[in-house]
Amino acid sequence: MNITTKKIIVDTNILTDLKNAKILNKFIKLNNIYLCDIVKNKEINEKTGNLDIINKIKVISCNSEELLLALDIKDKEKKLSICDCLNFVIAKDNDCILATGDNKLKNFAEQRNVPVIRTLKIIKLLKEKNILSSNEAINASKNLINNKNTRIPLKDIENFIEELKEDLVAV
């Protein structure tokens, strides 16, 4: 999966995680980030993140066939929201990567061969693209630990911080 060239469809959970990590403004510097038009209109608000920043994300429109397919999936997959289903369908139909912090959506997409990236992988990508320094990536990860709403397992974040610290020493 080439996450630097393929389009990345983002869900609301990812945007909230990146807001909590205080790097949403850095994330939008990637030029392959897209938000579904219906998801943007239905779910995005001040709680998701700074709307001025989020409004800079490219929008991908959902066509009627994709909407019908998403509704069909929603009927069968009761644990997924309609926005989850839309993000999945758009990612699959357009050969995109799906960025999600939702475990149910992640598992559903991966079982259907849609590549998925998560919050920590995005932080790593931003570091690799020199959008974040190693120290900024470490601070972003610490911000996730300090946020009471973080769904990412604490051990995963701590291991990621250690990996980032090792990169600092190796340089």
N, C-alpha and C. Protein backbone atom coordinates (compact mmCIF):
# COMPACT_ATOMS: atom_id res chain seq x y z
N MET A 1 0.86 -1.17 0.00
CA MET A 1 0.00 0.00 0.00
C MET A 1 0.90 1.23 0.00
N ASN A 2 0.71 2.07 -0.96
CA ASN A 2 1.52 3.29 -1.06
C ASN A 2 0.71 4.47 -0.51
N ILE A 3 0.95 4.76 0.75
CA ILE A 3 0.12 5.77 1.42
C ILE A 3 0.53 7.19 1.10
N THR A 4 1.55 7.36 0.29
CA THR A 4 1.92 8.72 -0.06
C THR A 4 1.36 9.14 -1.41
N THR A 5 0.88 8.19 -2.20
CA THR A 5 0.34 8.56 -3.51
C THR A 5 -1.14 8.24 -3.66
N LYS A 6 -1.61 7.18 -3.02
CA LYS A 6 -3.03 6.83 -3.12
C LYS A 6 -3.88 7.84 -2.35
N LYS A 7 -5.10 8.02 -2.80
CA LYS A 7 -6.03 8.86 -2.05
C LYS A 7 -6.33 8.18 -0.72
N ILE A 8 -6.47 9.01 0.30
CA ILE A 8 -6.81 8.53 1.64
C ILE A 8 -8.17 9.12 2.02
N ILE A 9 -9.13 8.23 2.27
CA ILE A 9 -10.47 8.65 2.71
C ILE A 9 -10.46 8.66 4.24
N VAL A 10 -10.75 9.80 4.82
CA VAL A 10 -10.68 9.92 6.29
C VAL A 10 -12.07 9.86 6.91
N ASP A 11 -12.11 9.23 8.08
CA ASP A 11 -13.36 9.24 8.83
C ASP A 11 -13.26 10.23 9.98
N THR A 12 -14.35 10.45 10.63
CA THR A 12 -14.43 11.44 11.70
C THR A 12 -13.52 11.08 12.87
N ASN A 13 -13.41 9.79 13.18
CA ASN A 13 -12.56 9.36 14.30
C ASN A 13 -11.11 9.79 14.11
N ILE A 14 -10.61 9.64 12.90
CA ILE A 14 -9.22 10.03 12.61
C ILE A 14 -9.05 11.53 12.81
N LEU A 15 -9.99 12.31 12.31
CA LEU A 15 -9.88 13.76 12.45
C LEU A 15 -9.89 14.16 13.93
N THR A 16 -10.73 13.50 14.71
CA THR A 16 -10.78 13.79 16.14
C THR A 16 -9.48 13.39 16.83
N ASP A 17 -8.94 12.22 16.47
CA ASP A 17 -7.66 11.79 17.05
C ASP A 17 -6.56 12.80 16.73
N LEU A 18 -6.50 13.25 15.48
CA LEU A 18 -5.45 14.18 15.08
C LEU A 18 -5.65 15.55 15.73
N LYS A 19 -6.90 15.93 15.96
CA LYS A 19 -7.17 17.16 16.74
C LYS A 19 -6.64 16.98 18.15
N ASN A 20 -6.95 15.83 18.77
CA ASN A 20 -6.50 15.56 20.13
C ASN A 20 -4.97 15.49 20.23
N ALA A 21 -4.34 15.04 19.15
CA ALA A 21 -2.87 14.98 19.12
C ALA A 21 -2.28 16.36 18.80
N LYS A 22 -3.16 17.30 18.47
CA LYS A 22 -2.77 18.68 18.14
C LYS A 22 -1.92 18.76 16.86
N ILE A 23 -2.27 17.90 15.88
CA ILE A 23 -1.54 17.92 14.60
C ILE A 23 -2.47 17.92 13.39
N LEU A 24 -3.73 18.24 13.59
CA LEU A 24 -4.66 18.27 12.46
C LEU A 24 -4.19 19.25 11.39
N ASN A 25 -3.63 20.38 11.84
CA ASN A 25 -3.13 21.37 10.89
C ASN A 25 -1.95 20.84 10.07
N LYS A 26 -1.19 19.90 10.62
CA LYS A 26 -0.08 19.28 9.89
C LYS A 26 -0.60 18.22 8.92
N PHE A 27 -1.61 17.49 9.34
CA PHE A 27 -2.18 16.41 8.53
C PHE A 27 -2.68 16.92 7.18
N ILE A 28 -3.29 18.08 7.18
CA ILE A 28 -3.86 18.57 5.92
C ILE A 28 -2.79 18.99 4.92
N LYS A 29 -1.53 18.96 5.32
CA LYS A 29 -0.44 19.26 4.38
C LYS A 29 -0.21 18.12 3.40
N LEU A 30 -0.71 16.93 3.73
CA LEU A 30 -0.67 15.84 2.77
C LEU A 30 -1.66 16.19 1.66
N ASN A 31 -1.28 15.97 0.43
CA ASN A 31 -2.17 16.41 -0.66
C ASN A 31 -3.08 15.31 -1.18
N ASN A 32 -3.14 14.19 -0.47
CA ASN A 32 -3.98 13.07 -0.93
C ASN A 32 -5.06 12.69 0.09
N ILE A 33 -5.51 13.66 0.85
CA ILE A 33 -6.51 13.45 1.90
C ILE A 33 -7.89 13.89 1.38
N TYR A 34 -8.88 13.01 1.56
CA TYR A 34 -10.24 13.30 1.08
C TYR A 34 -11.27 12.96 2.15
N LEU A 35 -12.36 13.71 2.12
CA LEU A 35 -13.47 13.53 3.03
C LEU A 35 -14.74 13.40 2.18
N CYS A 36 -15.54 12.38 2.47
CA CYS A 36 -16.79 12.18 1.73
C CYS A 36 -17.73 13.35 1.99
N ASP A 37 -18.36 13.84 0.93
CA ASP A 37 -19.25 15.00 1.05
C ASP A 37 -20.38 14.77 2.05
N ILE A 38 -20.99 13.60 2.01
CA ILE A 38 -22.12 13.33 2.92
C ILE A 38 -21.63 13.22 4.36
N VAL A 39 -20.48 12.56 4.55
CA VAL A 39 -19.91 12.45 5.90
C VAL A 39 -19.59 13.85 6.43
N LYS A 40 -19.02 14.68 5.59
CA LYS A 40 -18.68 16.04 6.00
C LYS A 40 -19.94 16.79 6.45
N ASN A 41 -21.00 16.69 5.68
CA ASN A 41 -22.23 17.40 6.02
C ASN A 41 -22.96 16.81 7.22
N LYS A 42 -22.84 15.50 7.42
CA LYS A 42 -23.59 14.82 8.47
C LYS A 42 -22.85 14.78 9.81
N GLU A 43 -21.53 14.62 9.80
CA GLU A 43 -20.81 14.35 11.04
C GLU A 43 -19.82 15.41 11.49
N ILE A 44 -19.35 16.23 10.59
CA ILE A 44 -18.28 17.16 10.95
C ILE A 44 -18.86 18.37 11.67
N ASN A 45 -18.27 18.68 12.83
CA ASN A 45 -18.68 19.85 13.60
C ASN A 45 -17.50 20.31 14.45
N GLU A 46 -17.72 21.27 15.31
CA GLU A 46 -16.65 21.84 16.13
C GLU A 46 -15.97 20.79 17.02
N LYS A 47 -16.72 19.75 17.44
CA LYS A 47 -16.14 18.72 18.29
C LYS A 47 -15.12 17.88 17.52
N THR A 48 -15.31 17.77 16.21
CA THR A 48 -14.40 16.99 15.37
C THR A 48 -13.05 17.66 15.29
N GLY A 49 -13.05 18.96 15.18
CA GLY A 49 -11.81 19.70 15.05
C GLY A 49 -12.09 21.09 14.53
N ASN A 50 -11.04 21.84 14.34
CA ASN A 50 -11.14 23.20 13.83
C ASN A 50 -11.73 23.17 12.42
N LEU A 51 -12.89 23.75 12.25
CA LEU A 51 -13.58 23.69 10.96
C LEU A 51 -12.82 24.42 9.86
N ASP A 52 -12.09 25.46 10.21
CA ASP A 52 -11.27 26.15 9.20
C ASP A 52 -10.21 25.21 8.64
N ILE A 53 -9.65 24.37 9.48
CA ILE A 53 -8.66 23.39 9.03
C ILE A 53 -9.34 22.27 8.25
N ILE A 54 -10.41 21.72 8.79
CA ILE A 54 -11.11 20.60 8.14
C ILE A 54 -11.63 21.02 6.77
N ASN A 55 -12.07 22.26 6.63
CA ASN A 55 -12.59 22.73 5.34
C ASN A 55 -11.52 22.80 4.26
N LYS A 56 -10.26 22.64 4.63
CA LYS A 56 -9.18 22.62 3.64
C LYS A 56 -8.97 21.23 3.06
N ILE A 57 -9.60 20.22 3.65
CA ILE A 57 -9.50 18.85 3.14
C ILE A 57 -10.35 18.74 1.87
N LYS A 58 -9.79 18.07 0.87
CA LYS A 58 -10.52 17.87 -0.39
C LYS A 58 -11.75 17.02 -0.13
N VAL A 59 -12.80 17.30 -0.88
CA VAL A 59 -14.06 16.57 -0.73
C VAL A 59 -14.24 15.65 -1.93
N ILE A 60 -14.65 14.42 -1.65
CA ILE A 60 -14.98 13.47 -2.71
C ILE A 60 -16.47 13.22 -2.63
N SER A 61 -17.13 13.33 -3.77
CA SER A 61 -18.58 13.19 -3.79
C SER A 61 -19.00 11.73 -3.91
N CYS A 62 -20.06 11.43 -3.24
CA CYS A 62 -20.66 10.10 -3.28
C CYS A 62 -21.73 10.10 -4.36
N ASN A 63 -21.67 9.16 -5.29
CA ASN A 63 -22.71 9.10 -6.31
C ASN A 63 -23.88 8.23 -5.83
N SER A 64 -24.95 8.20 -6.59
CA SER A 64 -26.16 7.50 -6.16
C SER A 64 -25.93 6.00 -6.02
N GLU A 65 -25.12 5.40 -6.89
CA GLU A 65 -24.84 3.97 -6.77
C GLU A 65 -24.08 3.67 -5.49
N GLU A 66 -23.12 4.52 -5.15
CA GLU A 66 -22.35 4.33 -3.91
C GLU A 66 -23.25 4.48 -2.70
N LEU A 67 -24.15 5.45 -2.74
CA LEU A 67 -25.07 5.65 -1.63
C LEU A 67 -25.98 4.44 -1.45
N LEU A 68 -26.51 3.91 -2.55
CA LEU A 68 -27.38 2.72 -2.47
C LEU A 68 -26.61 1.52 -1.93
N LEU A 69 -25.38 1.34 -2.38
CA LEU A 69 -24.56 0.24 -1.89
C LEU A 69 -24.28 0.41 -0.39
N ALA A 70 -23.97 1.63 0.02
CA ALA A 70 -23.72 1.91 1.44
C ALA A 70 -24.97 1.60 2.28
N LEU A 71 -26.13 1.97 1.78
CA LEU A 71 -27.39 1.68 2.49
C LEU A 71 -27.62 0.17 2.59
N ASP A 72 -27.29 -0.54 1.52
CA ASP A 72 -27.43 -2.01 1.52
C ASP A 72 -26.49 -2.64 2.55
N ILE A 73 -25.26 -2.16 2.59
CA ILE A 73 -24.30 -2.67 3.59
C ILE A 73 -24.79 -2.36 4.99
N LYS A 74 -25.30 -1.16 5.19
CA LYS A 74 -25.79 -0.75 6.52
C LYS A 74 -26.91 -1.67 6.98
N ASP A 75 -27.78 -2.09 6.07
CA ASP A 75 -28.86 -3.01 6.43
C ASP A 75 -28.33 -4.35 6.95
N LYS A 76 -27.20 -4.78 6.39
CA LYS A 76 -26.63 -6.08 6.77
C LYS A 76 -25.66 -5.97 7.94
N GLU A 77 -25.00 -4.84 8.05
CA GLU A 77 -23.97 -4.64 9.09
C GLU A 77 -24.47 -3.61 10.10
N LYS A 78 -25.23 -4.08 11.04
CA LYS A 78 -25.91 -3.20 11.99
C LYS A 78 -24.94 -2.38 12.87
N LYS A 79 -23.70 -2.89 13.06
CA LYS A 79 -22.76 -2.20 13.95
C LYS A 79 -22.04 -1.05 13.26
N LEU A 80 -22.18 -0.95 11.94
CA LEU A 80 -21.55 0.15 11.21
C LEU A 80 -22.56 1.27 11.01
N SER A 81 -22.09 2.50 11.07
CA SER A 81 -22.96 3.64 10.80
C SER A 81 -23.06 3.83 9.28
N ILE A 82 -24.00 4.62 8.84
CA ILE A 82 -24.12 4.90 7.41
C ILE A 82 -22.87 5.62 6.92
N CYS A 83 -22.30 6.48 7.75
CA CYS A 83 -21.07 7.17 7.34
C CYS A 83 -19.90 6.20 7.22
N ASP A 84 -19.83 5.22 8.13
CA ASP A 84 -18.81 4.17 8.00
C ASP A 84 -18.96 3.46 6.66
N CYS A 85 -20.19 3.10 6.34
CA CYS A 85 -20.46 2.38 5.10
C CYS A 85 -20.11 3.22 3.88
N LEU A 86 -20.43 4.50 3.92
CA LEU A 86 -20.08 5.40 2.81
C LEU A 86 -18.58 5.50 2.63
N ASN A 87 -17.85 5.67 3.73
CA ASN A 87 -16.39 5.75 3.65
C ASN A 87 -15.82 4.46 3.07
N PHE A 88 -16.34 3.33 3.50
CA PHE A 88 -15.88 2.05 2.97
C PHE A 88 -16.13 1.95 1.47
N VAL A 89 -17.35 2.24 1.04
CA VAL A 89 -17.71 2.12 -0.38
C VAL A 89 -16.86 3.04 -1.23
N ILE A 90 -16.68 4.27 -0.80
CA ILE A 90 -15.88 5.22 -1.58
C ILE A 90 -14.43 4.75 -1.65
N ALA A 91 -13.89 4.28 -0.54
CA ALA A 91 -12.51 3.79 -0.55
C ALA A 91 -12.38 2.60 -1.50
N LYS A 92 -13.31 1.67 -1.42
CA LYS A 92 -13.25 0.47 -2.27
C LYS A 92 -13.44 0.83 -3.74
N ASP A 93 -14.45 1.63 -4.05
CA ASP A 93 -14.76 1.97 -5.45
C ASP A 93 -13.66 2.79 -6.12
N ASN A 94 -12.94 3.56 -5.33
CA ASN A 94 -11.94 4.47 -5.90
C ASN A 94 -10.50 4.02 -5.64
N ASP A 95 -10.34 2.77 -5.18
CA ASP A 95 -9.02 2.20 -4.89
C ASP A 95 -8.23 3.11 -3.96
N CYS A 96 -8.88 3.50 -2.87
CA CYS A 96 -8.28 4.41 -1.89
C CYS A 96 -7.89 3.65 -0.62
N ILE A 97 -7.15 4.32 0.21
CA ILE A 97 -6.85 3.83 1.55
C ILE A 97 -7.89 4.44 2.48
N LEU A 98 -8.36 3.66 3.42
CA LEU A 98 -9.33 4.15 4.40
C LEU A 98 -8.61 4.44 5.71
N ALA A 99 -8.69 5.67 6.16
CA ALA A 99 -8.11 6.07 7.45
C ALA A 99 -9.23 6.09 8.47
N THR A 100 -9.15 5.17 9.43
CA THR A 100 -10.20 5.09 10.43
C THR A 100 -9.64 4.74 11.80
N GLY A 101 -10.28 5.27 12.81
CA GLY A 101 -9.96 4.91 14.19
C GLY A 101 -11.00 3.96 14.75
N ASP A 102 -11.95 3.56 13.93
CA ASP A 102 -13.05 2.70 14.35
C ASP A 102 -12.68 1.23 14.09
N ASN A 103 -12.62 0.42 15.14
CA ASN A 103 -12.23 -0.98 14.99
C ASN A 103 -13.21 -1.78 14.14
N LYS A 104 -14.50 -1.52 14.30
CA LYS A 104 -15.49 -2.28 13.52
C LYS A 104 -15.31 -2.00 12.02
N LEU A 105 -15.13 -0.73 11.68
CA LEU A 105 -14.93 -0.36 10.28
C LEU A 105 -13.60 -0.91 9.77
N LYS A 106 -12.56 -0.82 10.58
CA LYS A 106 -11.25 -1.35 10.19
C LYS A 106 -11.35 -2.82 9.83
N ASN A 107 -11.94 -3.61 10.72
CA ASN A 107 -12.06 -5.05 10.49
C ASN A 107 -12.91 -5.35 9.27
N PHE A 108 -14.03 -4.65 9.13
CA PHE A 108 -14.91 -4.84 7.98
C PHE A 108 -14.16 -4.55 6.67
N ALA A 109 -13.44 -3.44 6.63
CA ALA A 109 -12.73 -3.05 5.41
C ALA A 109 -11.60 -4.02 5.10
N GLU A 110 -10.82 -4.37 6.09
CA GLU A 110 -9.69 -5.28 5.85
C GLU A 110 -10.15 -6.65 5.38
N GLN A 111 -11.29 -7.12 5.89
CA GLN A 111 -11.83 -8.41 5.44
C GLN A 111 -12.24 -8.35 3.97
N ARG A 112 -12.41 -7.16 3.45
CA ARG A 112 -12.82 -6.97 2.05
C ARG A 112 -11.71 -6.34 1.21
N ASN A 113 -10.49 -6.49 1.72
CA ASN A 113 -9.28 -6.07 1.00
C ASN A 113 -9.17 -4.58 0.72
N VAL A 114 -9.74 -3.77 1.59
CA VAL A 114 -9.55 -2.32 1.50
C VAL A 114 -8.45 -1.97 2.49
N PRO A 115 -7.36 -1.36 2.01
CA PRO A 115 -6.27 -1.03 2.93
C PRO A 115 -6.70 0.04 3.94
N VAL A 116 -6.22 -0.14 5.17
CA VAL A 116 -6.61 0.75 6.27
C VAL A 116 -5.35 1.28 6.96
N ILE A 117 -5.38 2.56 7.32
CA ILE A 117 -4.35 3.11 8.19
C ILE A 117 -5.02 3.71 9.41
N ARG A 118 -4.23 3.75 10.48
CA ARG A 118 -4.73 4.23 11.75
C ARG A 118 -3.96 5.48 12.17
N THR A 119 -4.31 6.02 13.29
CA THR A 119 -3.76 7.28 13.77
C THR A 119 -2.23 7.25 13.91
N LEU A 120 -1.70 6.23 14.56
CA LEU A 120 -0.26 6.18 14.79
C LEU A 120 0.50 6.05 13.46
N LYS A 121 -0.06 5.33 12.52
CA LYS A 121 0.57 5.22 11.19
C LYS A 121 0.56 6.57 10.48
N ILE A 122 -0.48 7.35 10.69
CA ILE A 122 -0.53 8.69 10.10
C ILE A 122 0.55 9.57 10.71
N ILE A 123 0.72 9.49 12.02
CA ILE A 123 1.78 10.28 12.67
C ILE A 123 3.14 9.86 12.09
N LYS A 124 3.33 8.57 11.93
CA LYS A 124 4.59 8.07 11.35
C LYS A 124 4.77 8.58 9.92
N LEU A 125 3.71 8.57 9.14
CA LEU A 125 3.77 9.08 7.77
C LEU A 125 4.15 10.57 7.75
N LEU A 126 3.54 11.34 8.64
CA LEU A 126 3.85 12.77 8.71
C LEU A 126 5.32 13.00 9.08
N LYS A 127 5.84 12.13 9.93
CA LYS A 127 7.26 12.22 10.28
C LYS A 127 8.13 11.85 9.07
N GLU A 128 7.78 10.77 8.40
CA GLU A 128 8.55 10.33 7.22
C GLU A 128 8.54 11.37 6.11
N LYS A 129 7.45 12.10 5.99
CA LYS A 129 7.33 13.15 4.96
C LYS A 129 7.92 14.47 5.43
N ASN A 130 8.55 14.47 6.61
CA ASN A 130 9.15 15.67 7.21
C ASN A 130 8.13 16.80 7.45
N ILE A 131 6.90 16.40 7.66
CA ILE A 131 5.87 17.36 8.04
C ILE A 131 5.90 17.53 9.57
N LEU A 132 6.29 16.44 10.25
CA LEU A 132 6.51 16.47 11.70
C LEU A 132 7.96 16.05 11.96
N SER A 133 8.58 16.68 12.94
CA SER A 133 9.88 16.22 13.41
C SER A 133 9.64 15.03 14.34
N SER A 134 10.70 14.34 14.70
CA SER A 134 10.56 13.23 15.66
C SER A 134 10.00 13.74 16.99
N ASN A 135 10.50 14.89 17.43
CA ASN A 135 10.01 15.45 18.70
C ASN A 135 8.53 15.83 18.60
N GLU A 136 8.11 16.38 17.47
CA GLU A 136 6.69 16.72 17.30
C GLU A 136 5.84 15.46 17.27
N ALA A 137 6.34 14.39 16.66
CA ALA A 137 5.61 13.13 16.63
C ALA A 137 5.48 12.55 18.04
N ILE A 138 6.56 12.65 18.82
CA ILE A 138 6.52 12.19 20.21
C ILE A 138 5.51 13.02 21.01
N ASN A 139 5.55 14.33 20.85
CA ASN A 139 4.60 15.19 21.57
C ASN A 139 3.16 14.91 21.16
N ALA A 140 2.94 14.67 19.87
CA ALA A 140 1.58 14.34 19.40
C ALA A 140 1.10 13.05 20.06
N SER A 141 1.99 12.07 20.15
CA SER A 141 1.64 10.79 20.78
C SER A 141 1.35 10.99 22.27
N LYS A 142 2.13 11.81 22.92
CA LYS A 142 1.89 12.11 24.34
C LYS A 142 0.55 12.82 24.52
N ASN A 143 0.20 13.68 23.58
CA ASN A 143 -1.11 14.35 23.64
C ASN A 143 -2.24 13.33 23.58
N LEU A 144 -2.05 12.27 22.79
CA LEU A 144 -3.07 11.22 22.72
C LEU A 144 -3.19 10.51 24.07
N ILE A 145 -2.05 10.23 24.69
CA ILE A 145 -2.06 9.57 26.00
C ILE A 145 -2.80 10.43 27.02
N ASN A 146 -2.57 11.73 26.97
CA ASN A 146 -3.15 12.65 27.95
C ASN A 146 -4.61 12.99 27.69
N ASN A 147 -5.16 12.53 26.58
CA ASN A 147 -6.55 12.82 26.27
C ASN A 147 -7.44 11.67 26.76
N LYS A 148 -8.40 11.99 27.60
CA LYS A 148 -9.24 10.95 28.21
C LYS A 148 -10.12 10.22 27.19
N ASN A 149 -10.30 10.80 26.01
CA ASN A 149 -11.16 10.18 25.00
C ASN A 149 -10.42 9.30 24.00
N THR A 150 -9.12 9.15 24.19
CA THR A 150 -8.34 8.35 23.25
C THR A 150 -8.77 6.89 23.32
N ARG A 151 -9.05 6.33 22.14
CA ARG A 151 -9.44 4.91 22.04
C ARG A 151 -8.25 4.02 21.71
N ILE A 152 -7.12 4.61 21.38
CA ILE A 152 -5.94 3.85 21.02
C ILE A 152 -5.36 3.24 22.31
N PRO A 153 -5.06 1.94 22.29
CA PRO A 153 -4.50 1.33 23.50
C PRO A 153 -3.23 2.04 23.96
N LEU A 154 -3.18 2.33 25.24
CA LEU A 154 -2.06 3.05 25.84
C LEU A 154 -0.73 2.37 25.51
N LYS A 155 -0.69 1.06 25.58
CA LYS A 155 0.55 0.32 25.31
C LYS A 155 1.02 0.55 23.87
N ASP A 156 0.08 0.62 22.92
CA ASP A 156 0.45 0.87 21.52
C ASP A 156 1.09 2.25 21.37
N ILE A 157 0.53 3.23 22.06
CA ILE A 157 1.10 4.58 21.98
C ILE A 157 2.47 4.62 22.65
N GLU A 158 2.59 3.99 23.81
CA GLU A 158 3.87 3.97 24.50
C GLU A 158 4.95 3.28 23.66
N ASN A 159 4.61 2.16 23.02
CA ASN A 159 5.57 1.47 22.15
C ASN A 159 5.97 2.34 20.97
N PHE A 160 5.00 3.06 20.42
CA PHE A 160 5.27 3.96 19.30
C PHE A 160 6.21 5.09 19.73
N ILE A 161 6.00 5.64 20.91
CA ILE A 161 6.89 6.69 21.43
C ILE A 161 8.31 6.15 21.58
N GLU A 162 8.44 4.95 22.08
CA GLU A 162 9.77 4.34 22.22
C GLU A 162 10.44 4.18 20.86
N GLU A 163 9.68 3.76 19.88
CA GLU A 163 10.20 3.63 18.50
C GLU A 163 10.68 4.99 17.98
N LEU A 164 9.90 6.02 18.25
CA LEU A 164 10.29 7.37 17.81
C LEU A 164 11.55 7.84 18.54
N LYS A 165 11.65 7.53 19.81
CA LYS A 165 12.84 7.91 20.58
C LYS A 165 14.08 7.19 20.05
N GLU A 166 13.92 5.92 19.67
CA GLU A 166 15.04 5.18 19.10
C GLU A 166 15.50 5.82 17.79
N ASP A 167 14.55 6.33 17.01
CA ASP A 167 14.89 7.02 15.76
C ASP A 167 15.72 8.27 16.06
N LEU A 168 15.38 8.95 17.16
CA LEU A 168 16.13 10.15 17.54
C LEU A 168 17.57 9.81 17.89
N VAL A 169 17.76 8.71 18.62
CA VAL A 169 19.09 8.29 19.03
C VAL A 169 19.90 7.83 17.81
N ALA A 170 19.25 7.18 16.87
CA ALA A 170 19.93 6.64 15.69
C ALA A 170 20.43 7.74 14.75
N VAL A 171 19.84 8.91 14.85
CA VAL A 171 20.19 10.00 13.93
C VAL A 171 21.49 10.65 14.27
